[in-house]
Amino acid sequence: MLDVTNVSKLFNPGTPDEKIALMNANLQIEAGDFITVIGSNGAGKSTLMNLISGVMKPDIGQIRIDGTEVQGLAEYKRSRWIGRVFQDPMAGTAPRMTIEENLTMAYKRGQSRGLGWGATAAKRKLFREQLSRLGIGLENRMSARVGLLSGGERQALSLLMATFTKPQILLLDEHTAALDPARAELITRLTEEIVRDMKLTTLMVTHNMEQAIRLGNRLIMMDKGRIILDVPAERKINLTVSQLLGEFERISGHQLSDDRIVLG
């Protein structure tokens, strides 16, 4: 499904600010995998997401989706395969457009939009059905501008938009981190349901170690631009936060020190 092979990315090369963002990353993801990703600030988590989605291009290495090399393709060309939800609820939607208009754009992801992108009666019916799955009443507010929605409502809409056309790969980049606990739990529950029901291949960055253990069938931990731990399903099912911390310290040689990391 997704193969990341010997991928490296260096920021500000040849300057005093040179920084290794990712070093010789190798990751093979099978169809239907739900992988959680955890690591301290600067570990390379978002860089990995940006390289897969096409926001950045690797200095070296290959990225393949179903055998097709995509590392040279622009982000918009990869959107036919990839859906993404960001940490910031303001990202991923057009605030001045209505819910209906945002969903219409999501419906056309990866297609030529042309001039005929407006919503039809059939599309509106589909949009209402999909919005009703969220359980927060957005199906009754399709003419509301997205900028007027709460952070949790916008993130729920972003999640729906990212998965609307059943992408081959779903990237979730700390998509609950900016929300209050109640809204974060709502988005987490919706994520579990949508990923399970649509059988989506998913890579989810999280700052919450308990969440990283509880969700998905694999867990990877990153440190200083490297993938240092890959926990398969059979080990993950009985893993505890203290064991995960111990593994990190044993492999990395230092303690996990990041104020953003939540243990549980």
C-alpha atoms as a PDB file:
ATOM      1  CA  MET A   1       0.000   0.000   0.000  1.00  0.00           C
ATOM      2  CA  LEU A   2       2.443   2.697   1.218  1.00  0.00           C
ATOM      3  CA  ASP A   3       6.217   2.207   1.147  1.00  0.00           C
ATOM      4  CA  VAL A   4       8.635   4.792   2.497  1.00  0.00           C
ATOM      5  CA  THR A   5      12.170   3.694   1.620  1.00  0.00           C
ATOM      6  CA  ASN A   6      15.402   5.316   2.864  1.00  0.00           C
ATOM      7  CA  VAL A   7      13.805   8.752   2.979  1.00  0.00           C
ATOM      8  CA  SER A   8      15.818  11.652   4.399  1.00  0.00           C
ATOM      9  CA  LYS A   9      15.137  15.378   4.713  1.00  0.00           C
ATOM     10  CA  LEU A  10      17.586  18.065   5.811  1.00  0.00           C
ATOM     11  CA  PHE A  11      16.506  21.614   6.686  1.00  0.00           C
ATOM     12  CA  ASN A  12      18.796  24.607   6.026  1.00  0.00           C
ATOM     13  CA  PRO A  13      21.668  22.498   4.623  1.00  0.00           C
ATOM     14  CA  GLY A  14      25.121  24.040   4.773  1.00  0.00           C
ATOM     15  CA  THR A  15      24.138  26.725   7.287  1.00  0.00           C
ATOM     16  CA  PRO A  16      24.614  27.057  11.066  1.00  0.00           C
ATOM     17  CA  ASP A  17      20.898  26.178  11.355  1.00  0.00           C
ATOM     18  CA  GLU A  18      21.253  22.856   9.546  1.00  0.00           C
ATOM     19  CA  LYS A  19      18.902  20.276  11.046  1.00  0.00           C
ATOM     20  CA  ILE A  20      18.176  16.640  10.294  1.00  0.00           C
ATOM     21  CA  ALA A  21      14.400  16.436  10.033  1.00  0.00           C
ATOM     22  CA  LEU A  22      14.266  12.822   8.865  1.00  0.00           C
ATOM     23  CA  MET A  23      17.078  10.298   8.434  1.00  0.00           C
ATOM     24  CA  ASN A  24      16.850   7.040   6.465  1.00  0.00           C
ATOM     25  CA  ALA A  25      13.177   6.504   7.318  1.00  0.00           C
ATOM     26  CA  ASN A  26      11.739   3.157   6.287  1.00  0.00           C
ATOM     27  CA  LEU A  27       8.067   2.362   6.765  1.00  0.00           C
ATOM     28  CA  GLN A  28       5.847  -0.211   5.078  1.00  0.00           C
ATOM     29  CA  ILE A  29       2.111   0.150   5.616  1.00  0.00           C
ATOM     30  CA  GLU A  30      -0.336  -2.535   4.543  1.00  0.00           C
ATOM     31  CA  ALA A  31      -3.878  -1.842   3.393  1.00  0.00           C
ATOM     32  CA  GLY A  32      -6.135  -1.431   6.415  1.00  0.00           C
ATOM     33  CA  ASP A  33      -3.329  -0.627   8.875  1.00  0.00           C
ATOM     34  CA  PHE A  34      -4.141   2.005  11.503  1.00  0.00           C
ATOM     35  CA  ILE A  35      -0.775   3.216  12.761  1.00  0.00           C
ATOM     36  CA  THR A  36      -0.323   5.695  15.592  1.00  0.00           C
ATOM     37  CA  VAL A  37       2.845   7.808  15.671  1.00  0.00           C
ATOM     38  CA  ILE A  38       4.326   9.347  18.802  1.00  0.00           C
ATOM     39  CA  GLY A  39       7.522  11.196  19.671  1.00  0.00           C
ATOM     40  CA  SER A  40       8.783  14.417  21.210  1.00  0.00           C
ATOM     41  CA  ASN A  41       8.797  17.821  19.527  1.00  0.00           C
ATOM     42  CA  GLY A  42      11.218  17.772  16.591  1.00  0.00           C
ATOM     43  CA  ALA A  43      11.187  13.990  16.289  1.00  0.00           C
ATOM     44  CA  GLY A  44      10.175  14.185  12.615  1.00  0.00           C
ATOM     45  CA  LYS A  45       6.498  13.223  12.876  1.00  0.00           C
ATOM     46  CA  SER A  46       5.044  16.133  10.900  1.00  0.00           C
ATOM     47  CA  THR A  47       7.950  16.021   8.446  1.00  0.00           C
ATOM     48  CA  LEU A  48       7.061  12.405   7.698  1.00  0.00           C
ATOM     49  CA  MET A  49       3.438  13.454   7.113  1.00  0.00           C
ATOM     50  CA  ASN A  50       4.518  16.354   4.874  1.00  0.00           C
ATOM     51  CA  LEU A  51       6.746  14.115   2.779  1.00  0.00           C
ATOM     52  CA  ILE A  52       4.017  11.516   2.302  1.00  0.00           C
ATOM     53  CA  SER A  53       1.385  14.122   1.408  1.00  0.00           C
ATOM     54  CA  GLY A  54       3.639  16.109  -0.927  1.00  0.00           C
ATOM     55  CA  VAL A  55       3.984  19.331   1.058  1.00  0.00           C
ATOM     56  CA  MET A  56       7.735  18.630   0.961  1.00  0.00           C
ATOM     57  CA  LYS A  57       9.925  16.512  -1.266  1.00  0.00           C
ATOM     58  CA  PRO A  58      12.602  14.228   0.211  1.00  0.00           C
ATOM     59  CA  ASP A  59      16.273  14.909  -0.401  1.00  0.00           C
ATOM     60  CA  ILE A  60      16.756  11.210  -1.055  1.00  0.00           C
ATOM     61  CA  GLY A  61      14.604   8.092  -0.940  1.00  0.00           C
ATOM     62  CA  GLN A  62      11.393   6.800  -2.485  1.00  0.00           C
ATOM     63  CA  ILE A  63       7.732   7.001  -1.516  1.00  0.00           C
ATOM     64  CA  ARG A  64       5.387   4.581  -3.262  1.00  0.00           C
ATOM     65  CA  ILE A  65       1.623   4.223  -3.143  1.00  0.00           C
ATOM     66  CA  ASP A  66       0.448   0.891  -4.535  1.00  0.00           C
ATOM     67  CA  GLY A  67       3.777   0.562  -6.301  1.00  0.00           C
ATOM     68  CA  THR A  68       3.671   4.011  -7.927  1.00  0.00           C
ATOM     69  CA  GLU A  69       6.509   6.374  -7.042  1.00  0.00           C
ATOM     70  CA  VAL A  70       5.019   9.668  -5.847  1.00  0.00           C
ATOM     71  CA  GLN A  71       7.925  11.514  -4.193  1.00  0.00           C
ATOM     72  CA  GLY A  72       8.226  13.811  -7.213  1.00  0.00           C
ATOM     73  CA  LEU A  73       4.504  14.595  -7.456  1.00  0.00           C
ATOM     74  CA  ALA A  74       3.003  17.842  -6.168  1.00  0.00           C
ATOM     75  CA  GLU A  75       0.615  17.772  -3.220  1.00  0.00           C
ATOM     76  CA  TYR A  76      -2.500  18.385  -5.339  1.00  0.00           C
ATOM     77  CA  LYS A  77      -1.633  15.432  -7.569  1.00  0.00           C
ATOM     78  CA  ARG A  78      -1.356  13.134  -4.545  1.00  0.00           C
ATOM     79  CA  SER A  79      -4.769  14.244  -3.241  1.00  0.00           C
ATOM     80  CA  ARG A  80      -6.391  11.540  -5.376  1.00  0.00           C
ATOM     81  CA  TRP A  81      -4.857   9.007  -2.962  1.00  0.00           C
ATOM     82  CA  ILE A  82      -4.460  10.956   0.282  1.00  0.00           C
ATOM     83  CA  GLY A  83      -6.794  12.664   2.751  1.00  0.00           C
ATOM     84  CA  ARG A  84      -5.389  14.728   5.607  1.00  0.00           C
ATOM     85  CA  VAL A  85      -6.649  16.390   8.787  1.00  0.00           C
ATOM     86  CA  PHE A  86      -4.431  18.959  10.496  1.00  0.00           C
ATOM     87  CA  GLN A  87      -3.987  19.985  14.131  1.00  0.00           C
ATOM     88  CA  ASP A  88      -5.430  23.443  13.519  1.00  0.00           C
ATOM     89  CA  PRO A  89      -9.237  23.315  13.112  1.00  0.00           C
ATOM     90  CA  MET A  90      -8.897  26.402  10.894  1.00  0.00           C
ATOM     91  CA  ALA A  91      -6.912  24.402   8.334  1.00  0.00           C
ATOM     92  CA  GLY A  92      -8.499  22.036   5.859  1.00  0.00           C
ATOM     93  CA  THR A  93     -11.700  24.044   5.341  1.00  0.00           C
ATOM     94  CA  ALA A  94     -12.621  27.324   3.647  1.00  0.00           C
ATOM     95  CA  PRO A  95     -14.101  29.505   6.429  1.00  0.00           C
ATOM     96  CA  ARG A  96     -15.942  31.944   4.158  1.00  0.00           C
ATOM     97  CA  MET A  97     -17.702  29.179   2.304  1.00  0.00           C
ATOM     98  CA  THR A  98     -20.690  27.217   3.550  1.00  0.00           C
ATOM     99  CA  ILE A  99     -20.669  23.633   4.775  1.00  0.00           C
ATOM    100  CA  GLU A 100     -22.311  22.601   1.517  1.00  0.00           C
ATOM    101  CA  GLU A 101     -19.699  24.403  -0.577  1.00  0.00           C
ATOM    102  CA  ASN A 102     -16.846  22.866   1.407  1.00  0.00           C
ATOM    103  CA  LEU A 103     -18.302  19.390   0.950  1.00  0.00           C
ATOM    104  CA  THR A 104     -18.729  20.026  -2.769  1.00  0.00           C
ATOM    105  CA  MET A 105     -15.022  20.795  -3.051  1.00  0.00           C
ATOM    106  CA  ALA A 106     -14.161  17.660  -1.057  1.00  0.00           C
ATOM    107  CA  TYR A 107     -16.422  15.610  -3.329  1.00  0.00           C
ATOM    108  CA  LYS A 108     -14.369  16.752  -6.328  1.00  0.00           C
ATOM    109  CA  ARG A 109     -10.978  16.035  -4.726  1.00  0.00           C
ATOM    110  CA  GLY A 110      -8.530  14.644  -7.251  1.00  0.00           C
ATOM    111  CA  GLN A 111     -10.851  15.471 -10.163  1.00  0.00           C
ATOM    112  CA  SER A 112     -10.879  18.292 -12.683  1.00  0.00           C
ATOM    113  CA  ARG A 113     -13.223  20.871 -11.187  1.00  0.00           C
ATOM    114  CA  GLY A 114     -14.039  22.998 -14.211  1.00  0.00           C
ATOM    115  CA  LEU A 115     -17.118  25.224 -14.004  1.00  0.00           C
ATOM    116  CA  GLY A 116     -19.727  22.645 -13.024  1.00  0.00           C
ATOM    117  CA  TRP A 117     -18.827  22.157  -9.369  1.00  0.00           C
ATOM    118  CA  GLY A 118     -22.105  23.253  -7.785  1.00  0.00           C
ATOM    119  CA  ALA A 119     -24.153  20.934  -5.590  1.00  0.00           C
ATOM    120  CA  THR A 120     -27.056  19.056  -7.145  1.00  0.00           C
ATOM    121  CA  ALA A 121     -30.115  17.748  -5.305  1.00  0.00           C
ATOM    122  CA  ALA A 122     -28.552  14.278  -5.272  1.00  0.00           C
ATOM    123  CA  LYS A 123     -25.324  15.636  -3.832  1.00  0.00           C
ATOM    124  CA  ARG A 124     -27.181  17.577  -1.138  1.00  0.00           C
ATOM    125  CA  LYS A 125     -28.953  14.390  -0.109  1.00  0.00           C
ATOM    126  CA  LEU A 126     -25.604  12.589   0.082  1.00  0.00           C
ATOM    127  CA  PHE A 127     -24.079  15.457   2.077  1.00  0.00           C
ATOM    128  CA  ARG A 128     -26.897  15.386   4.626  1.00  0.00           C
ATOM    129  CA  GLU A 129     -26.577  11.640   5.018  1.00  0.00           C
ATOM    130  CA  GLN A 130     -22.838  11.888   5.596  1.00  0.00           C
ATOM    131  CA  LEU A 131     -23.126  14.850   7.981  1.00  0.00           C
ATOM    132  CA  SER A 132     -25.760  13.023  10.024  1.00  0.00           C
ATOM    133  CA  ARG A 133     -23.153  10.323  10.764  1.00  0.00           C
ATOM    134  CA  LEU A 134     -21.271  12.875  12.838  1.00  0.00           C
ATOM    135  CA  GLY A 135     -24.193  13.178  15.239  1.00  0.00           C
ATOM    136  CA  ILE A 136     -23.727  16.897  15.919  1.00  0.00           C
ATOM    137  CA  GLY A 137     -26.515  18.400  13.794  1.00  0.00           C
ATOM    138  CA  LEU A 138     -24.456  19.810  10.927  1.00  0.00           C
ATOM    139  CA  GLU A 139     -26.839  18.241   8.416  1.00  0.00           C
ATOM    140  CA  ASN A 140     -29.346  20.940   9.430  1.00  0.00           C
ATOM    141  CA  ARG A 141     -26.848  23.783   8.958  1.00  0.00           C
ATOM    142  CA  MET A 142     -25.541  23.194   5.446  1.00  0.00           C
ATOM    143  CA  SER A 143     -25.950  26.870   4.503  1.00  0.00           C
ATOM    144  CA  ALA A 144     -23.912  28.057   7.525  1.00  0.00           C
ATOM    145  CA  ARG A 145     -20.476  29.512   6.877  1.00  0.00           C
ATOM    146  CA  VAL A 146     -17.770  27.213   8.207  1.00  0.00           C
ATOM    147  CA  GLY A 147     -16.015  30.098   9.936  1.00  0.00           C
ATOM    148  CA  LEU A 148     -18.957  30.326  12.342  1.00  0.00           C
ATOM    149  CA  LEU A 149     -18.571  26.733  13.555  1.00  0.00           C
ATOM    150  CA  SER A 150     -16.839  25.810  16.809  1.00  0.00           C
ATOM    151  CA  GLY A 151     -13.383  24.219  16.710  1.00  0.00           C
ATOM    152  CA  GLY A 152     -14.800  20.776  17.369  1.00  0.00           C
ATOM    153  CA  GLU A 153     -17.461  21.157  14.679  1.00  0.00           C
ATOM    154  CA  ARG A 154     -14.881  22.315  12.147  1.00  0.00           C
ATOM    155  CA  GLN A 155     -12.587  19.419  12.981  1.00  0.00           C
ATOM    156  CA  ALA A 156     -15.467  16.958  12.608  1.00  0.00           C
ATOM    157  CA  LEU A 157     -16.233  18.512   9.220  1.00  0.00           C
ATOM    158  CA  SER A 158     -12.537  18.357   8.252  1.00  0.00           C
ATOM    159  CA  LEU A 159     -12.475  14.656   9.149  1.00  0.00           C
ATOM    160  CA  LEU A 160     -15.554  14.011   7.050  1.00  0.00           C
ATOM    161  CA  MET A 161     -14.146  15.993   4.113  1.00  0.00           C
ATOM    162  CA  ALA A 162     -10.810  14.158   4.264  1.00  0.00           C
ATOM    163  CA  THR A 163     -12.547  10.779   4.116  1.00  0.00           C
ATOM    164  CA  PHE A 164     -15.452  11.702   1.843  1.00  0.00           C
ATOM    165  CA  THR A 165     -14.060   9.978  -1.232  1.00  0.00           C
ATOM    166  CA  LYS A 166     -12.528   7.089   0.741  1.00  0.00           C
ATOM    167  CA  PRO A 167      -8.849   7.939   0.218  1.00  0.00           C
ATOM    168  CA  GLN A 168      -6.325   5.149   0.026  1.00  0.00           C
ATOM    169  CA  ILE A 169      -4.359   6.801   2.841  1.00  0.00           C
ATOM    170  CA  LEU A 170      -5.652   8.991   5.682  1.00  0.00           C
ATOM    171  CA  LEU A 171      -3.140  11.229   7.481  1.00  0.00           C
ATOM    172  CA  LEU A 172      -4.157  12.622  10.885  1.00  0.00           C
ATOM    173  CA  ASP A 173      -1.628  15.150  12.191  1.00  0.00           C
ATOM    174  CA  GLU A 174      -2.418  15.631  15.915  1.00  0.00           C
ATOM    175  CA  HIS A 175      -5.973  16.402  14.882  1.00  0.00           C
ATOM    176  CA  THR A 176      -7.318  16.448  18.466  1.00  0.00           C
ATOM    177  CA  ALA A 177      -4.473  18.417  20.102  1.00  0.00           C
ATOM    178  CA  ALA A 178      -6.053  21.884  19.767  1.00  0.00           C
ATOM    179  CA  LEU A 179      -9.448  20.864  21.172  1.00  0.00           C
ATOM    180  CA  ASP A 180     -10.820  20.830  24.695  1.00  0.00           C
ATOM    181  CA  PRO A 181     -11.089  17.339  26.275  1.00  0.00           C
ATOM    182  CA  ALA A 182     -14.786  16.857  25.472  1.00  0.00           C
ATOM    183  CA  ARG A 183     -14.392  17.830  21.807  1.00  0.00           C
ATOM    184  CA  ALA A 184     -11.153  15.850  21.549  1.00  0.00           C
ATOM    185  CA  GLU A 185     -12.966  12.745  22.764  1.00  0.00           C
ATOM    186  CA  LEU A 186     -15.750  13.348  20.216  1.00  0.00           C
ATOM    187  CA  ILE A 187     -13.268  13.600  17.339  1.00  0.00           C
ATOM    188  CA  THR A 188     -11.404  10.526  18.599  1.00  0.00           C
ATOM    189  CA  ARG A 189     -14.643   8.523  18.667  1.00  0.00           C
ATOM    190  CA  LEU A 190     -15.605   9.727  15.179  1.00  0.00           C
ATOM    191  CA  THR A 191     -12.129   8.843  13.935  1.00  0.00           C
ATOM    192  CA  GLU A 192     -12.400   5.291  15.276  1.00  0.00           C
ATOM    193  CA  GLU A 193     -15.831   4.830  13.707  1.00  0.00           C
ATOM    194  CA  ILE A 194     -14.943   6.265  10.290  1.00  0.00           C
ATOM    195  CA  VAL A 195     -11.619   4.416  10.008  1.00  0.00           C
ATOM    196  CA  ARG A 196     -13.260   1.147  11.061  1.00  0.00           C
ATOM    197  CA  ASP A 197     -16.388   1.470   8.914  1.00  0.00           C
ATOM    198  CA  MET A 198     -14.509   2.609   5.793  1.00  0.00           C
ATOM    199  CA  LYS A 199     -11.515   0.309   6.424  1.00  0.00           C
ATOM    200  CA  LEU A 200      -9.155   3.218   5.834  1.00  0.00           C
ATOM    201  CA  THR A 201      -5.385   2.851   5.860  1.00  0.00           C
ATOM    202  CA  THR A 202      -4.454   5.460   8.469  1.00  0.00           C
ATOM    203  CA  LEU A 203      -1.371   7.132   9.900  1.00  0.00           C
ATOM    204  CA  MET A 204      -2.184   9.188  13.004  1.00  0.00           C
ATOM    205  CA  VAL A 205       0.263  11.440  14.884  1.00  0.00           C
ATOM    206  CA  THR A 206      -0.740  11.964  18.506  1.00  0.00           C
ATOM    207  CA  HIS A 207       0.780  13.601  21.587  1.00  0.00           C
ATOM    208  CA  ASN A 208      -1.211  11.297  23.872  1.00  0.00           C
ATOM    209  CA  MET A 209       0.612   8.076  24.742  1.00  0.00           C
ATOM    210  CA  GLU A 210      -2.475   6.326  26.098  1.00  0.00           C
ATOM    211  CA  GLN A 211      -4.316   7.178  22.884  1.00  0.00           C
ATOM    212  CA  ALA A 212      -1.398   5.950  20.803  1.00  0.00           C
ATOM    213  CA  ILE A 213      -1.565   2.584  22.563  1.00  0.00           C
ATOM    214  CA  ARG A 214      -5.361   2.294  22.576  1.00  0.00           C
ATOM    215  CA  LEU A 215      -6.033   3.169  18.935  1.00  0.00           C
ATOM    216  CA  GLY A 216      -4.989   1.273  15.850  1.00  0.00           C
ATOM    217  CA  ASN A 217      -3.137  -1.965  15.246  1.00  0.00           C
ATOM    218  CA  ARG A 218       0.446  -0.645  15.109  1.00  0.00           C
ATOM    219  CA  LEU A 219       2.469   2.015  16.906  1.00  0.00           C
ATOM    220  CA  ILE A 220       5.668   3.682  15.811  1.00  0.00           C
ATOM    221  CA  MET A 221       7.833   5.984  17.922  1.00  0.00           C
ATOM    222  CA  MET A 222      10.179   8.587  16.467  1.00  0.00           C
ATOM    223  CA  ASP A 223      13.183  10.424  17.898  1.00  0.00           C
ATOM    224  CA  LYS A 224      15.571  12.903  16.281  1.00  0.00           C
ATOM    225  CA  GLY A 225      14.357  12.192  12.771  1.00  0.00           C
ATOM    226  CA  ARG A 226      14.414   8.416  13.039  1.00  0.00           C
ATOM    227  CA  ILE A 227      11.826   5.685  13.521  1.00  0.00           C
ATOM    228  CA  ILE A 228      13.225   3.942  16.600  1.00  0.00           C
ATOM    229  CA  LEU A 229      10.377   1.602  17.540  1.00  0.00           C
ATOM    230  CA  ASP A 230       7.668  -0.235  15.592  1.00  0.00           C
ATOM    231  CA  VAL A 231       5.195  -2.122  17.780  1.00  0.00           C
ATOM    232  CA  PRO A 232       3.009  -4.711  15.979  1.00  0.00           C
ATOM    233  CA  ALA A 233      -0.553  -5.579  16.944  1.00  0.00           C
ATOM    234  CA  GLU A 234       0.307  -8.640  19.029  1.00  0.00           C
ATOM    235  CA  ARG A 235       2.628  -6.606  21.288  1.00  0.00           C
ATOM    236  CA  LYS A 236       0.568  -3.442  21.278  1.00  0.00           C
ATOM    237  CA  ILE A 237      -2.539  -5.058  22.742  1.00  0.00           C
ATOM    238  CA  ASN A 238      -0.922  -5.525  26.173  1.00  0.00           C
ATOM    239  CA  LEU A 239       1.443  -2.539  26.084  1.00  0.00           C
ATOM    240  CA  THR A 240       1.340   0.004  28.931  1.00  0.00           C
ATOM    241  CA  VAL A 241       2.477   3.637  28.999  1.00  0.00           C
ATOM    242  CA  SER A 242       5.268   2.831  31.471  1.00  0.00           C
ATOM    243  CA  GLN A 243       6.529   0.013  29.227  1.00  0.00           C
ATOM    244  CA  LEU A 244       6.465   2.322  26.213  1.00  0.00           C
ATOM    245  CA  LEU A 245       8.442   4.961  28.115  1.00  0.00           C
ATOM    246  CA  GLY A 246      10.938   2.320  29.163  1.00  0.00           C
ATOM    247  CA  GLU A 247      11.373   1.139  25.578  1.00  0.00           C
ATOM    248  CA  PHE A 248      11.962   4.704  24.432  1.00  0.00           C
ATOM    249  CA  GLU A 249      14.629   5.318  27.077  1.00  0.00           C
ATOM    250  CA  ARG A 250      16.332   1.982  26.365  1.00  0.00           C
ATOM    251  CA  ILE A 251      16.558   2.596  22.622  1.00  0.00           C
ATOM    252  CA  SER A 252      17.207   6.353  22.557  1.00  0.00           C
ATOM    253  CA  GLY A 253      19.427   6.561  25.639  1.00  0.00           C
ATOM    254  CA  HIS A 254      17.524   9.507  27.080  1.00  0.00           C
ATOM    255  CA  GLN A 255      14.176  10.291  28.690  1.00  0.00           C
ATOM    256  CA  LEU A 256      11.191  11.505  26.716  1.00  0.00           C
ATOM    257  CA  SER A 257      11.066  15.204  27.612  1.00  0.00           C
ATOM    258  CA  ASP A 258       8.337  17.205  25.914  1.00  0.00           C
ATOM    259  CA  ASP A 259       5.698  19.218  27.759  1.00  0.00           C
ATOM    260  CA  ARG A 260       3.216  18.425  24.990  1.00  0.00           C
ATOM    261  CA  ILE A 261       3.359  14.671  25.597  1.00  0.00           C
ATOM    262  CA  VAL A 262       0.375  13.417  27.572  1.00  0.00           C
ATOM    263  CA  LEU A 263       0.886  10.106  29.356  1.00  0.00           C
ATOM    264  CA  GLY A 264      -2.771   9.210  29.713  1.00  0.00           C
END
